[in-house]
Amino acid sequence: MKLIVAIAAVFACGGAILAHAADDAAAEALVKKSKCLTCHSVDKKKDGPSFKTTAEKYKGKADAEQKLYTHLTTHPEVEVDGKEEKHDSLKTTDDKEIRNVIAWILSR
């Protein structure tokens, strides 16, 4: 009986790992589709901050998710090379997909 429980636990953990990987893959695909990687990278500064820098900036802040949600969906003005430019939004209106990208950014 203990063996069956142990095997079930292994499969459950493996499923959770695969589900997390699928979320990461979906977030990365949407980031690519939205051309975020033109100005941002995961761990290096480009025209925009890296996702790692963004995660560090918002770490432990209660409003982190909402601030990023607003930033990624409302075309805010951002400064690039001393000029104001409109920041593009994610190429989706699906709330679940947007929140998945935000979770992915904050986990960097």
Protein backbone atom coordinates (compact mmCIF):
# COMPACT_ATOMS: atom_id res chain seq x y z
CA MET A 1 0.00 0.00 0.00
CA LYS A 2 2.83 2.41 0.86
CA LEU A 3 4.36 1.68 -2.54
CA ILE A 4 1.16 2.71 -4.33
CA VAL A 5 1.02 5.96 -2.35
CA ALA A 6 4.69 6.64 -3.12
CA ILE A 7 4.18 6.02 -6.85
CA ALA A 8 1.10 8.24 -6.87
CA ALA A 9 3.09 11.03 -5.18
CA VAL A 10 5.85 10.79 -7.79
CA PHE A 11 3.32 11.04 -10.62
CA ALA A 12 1.57 13.96 -8.94
CA CYS A 13 4.83 15.89 -8.55
CA GLY A 14 5.84 15.12 -12.11
CA GLY A 15 2.49 16.42 -13.34
CA ALA A 16 2.97 19.65 -11.42
CA ILE A 17 6.42 20.12 -12.94
CA LEU A 18 5.05 19.53 -16.44
CA ALA A 19 2.16 21.93 -15.84
CA HIS A 20 4.62 24.62 -14.72
CA ALA A 21 6.77 24.04 -17.80
CA ALA A 22 3.71 24.40 -20.04
CA ASP A 23 2.92 27.76 -18.37
CA ASP A 24 6.50 28.91 -18.94
CA ALA A 25 6.31 27.80 -22.56
CA ALA A 26 3.03 29.66 -23.07
CA ALA A 27 4.43 32.82 -21.46
CA GLU A 28 7.60 32.67 -23.55
CA ALA A 29 5.56 32.14 -26.72
CA LEU A 30 3.36 35.17 -25.96
CA VAL A 31 6.39 37.31 -25.09
CA LYS A 32 7.92 36.37 -28.47
CA LYS A 33 4.65 36.90 -30.36
CA SER A 34 4.26 40.32 -28.71
CA LYS A 35 7.86 41.23 -29.69
CA CYS A 36 8.81 42.02 -26.08
CA LEU A 37 12.26 40.58 -26.74
CA THR A 38 12.99 43.43 -29.14
CA CYS A 39 13.58 45.72 -26.14
CA HIS A 40 13.82 43.30 -23.19
CA SER A 41 15.66 40.09 -22.37
CA VAL A 42 15.44 37.69 -19.49
CA ASP A 43 18.68 38.71 -17.78
CA LYS A 44 20.39 41.50 -19.75
CA LYS A 45 19.50 45.17 -20.19
CA LYS A 46 18.57 46.21 -23.70
CA ASP A 47 16.49 49.32 -24.50
CA GLY A 48 14.22 48.20 -21.66
CA PRO A 49 15.04 46.52 -18.36
CA SER A 50 15.57 42.78 -18.19
CA PHE A 51 12.75 40.66 -16.79
CA LYS A 52 15.12 39.74 -13.96
CA THR A 53 15.54 43.43 -13.06
CA THR A 54 11.78 43.92 -13.19
CA ALA A 55 11.25 40.92 -10.90
CA GLU A 56 13.79 42.33 -8.43
CA LYS A 57 12.12 45.77 -8.53
CA TYR A 58 8.72 44.34 -7.63
CA LYS A 59 9.84 41.56 -5.26
CA GLY A 60 7.74 41.60 -2.08
CA LYS A 61 5.47 44.42 -3.27
CA ALA A 62 1.76 43.77 -2.86
CA ASP A 63 0.84 45.78 -5.96
CA ALA A 64 3.43 44.18 -8.27
CA GLU A 65 0.96 42.10 -10.26
CA GLN A 66 -1.47 45.00 -10.76
CA LYS A 67 1.26 47.46 -11.78
CA LEU A 68 2.61 45.03 -14.38
CA TYR A 69 -0.92 44.22 -15.58
CA THR A 70 -1.55 47.93 -16.20
CA HIS A 71 1.84 48.37 -17.87
CA LEU A 72 1.36 45.39 -20.18
CA THR A 73 -2.20 46.25 -21.25
CA THR A 74 -2.54 50.06 -21.53
CA HIS A 75 0.22 51.32 -23.88
CA PRO A 76 1.90 53.59 -21.30
CA GLU A 77 4.52 56.16 -22.24
CA VAL A 78 8.08 54.98 -21.50
CA GLU A 79 11.42 56.70 -21.95
CA VAL A 80 13.81 55.15 -24.47
CA ASP A 81 17.07 56.94 -25.26
CA GLY A 82 15.69 60.15 -23.75
CA LYS A 83 12.52 60.09 -25.87
CA GLU A 84 8.97 59.25 -24.80
CA GLU A 85 7.54 56.26 -26.66
CA LYS A 86 4.37 54.22 -26.33
CA HIS A 87 5.02 50.81 -24.81
CA ASP A 88 3.30 48.07 -26.80
CA SER A 89 0.80 45.84 -25.06
CA LEU A 90 0.80 42.07 -25.02
CA LYS A 91 -0.81 40.64 -28.14
CA THR A 92 -3.73 39.14 -26.23
CA THR A 93 -6.76 40.24 -24.27
CA ASP A 94 -7.06 36.92 -22.43
CA ASP A 95 -6.74 37.66 -18.70
CA LYS A 96 -5.31 34.21 -17.93
CA GLU A 97 -2.58 34.60 -20.57
CA ILE A 98 -1.68 38.10 -19.33
CA ARG A 99 -1.47 36.94 -15.71
CA ASN A 100 0.63 33.95 -16.80
CA VAL A 101 3.17 36.29 -18.43
CA ILE A 102 3.22 38.46 -15.30
CA ALA A 103 3.85 35.40 -13.10
CA TRP A 104 6.61 34.34 -15.50
CA ILE A 105 8.28 37.76 -15.36
CA LEU A 106 8.05 37.92 -11.57
CA SER A 107 9.58 34.43 -11.26
CA ARG A 108 12.77 35.36 -13.11
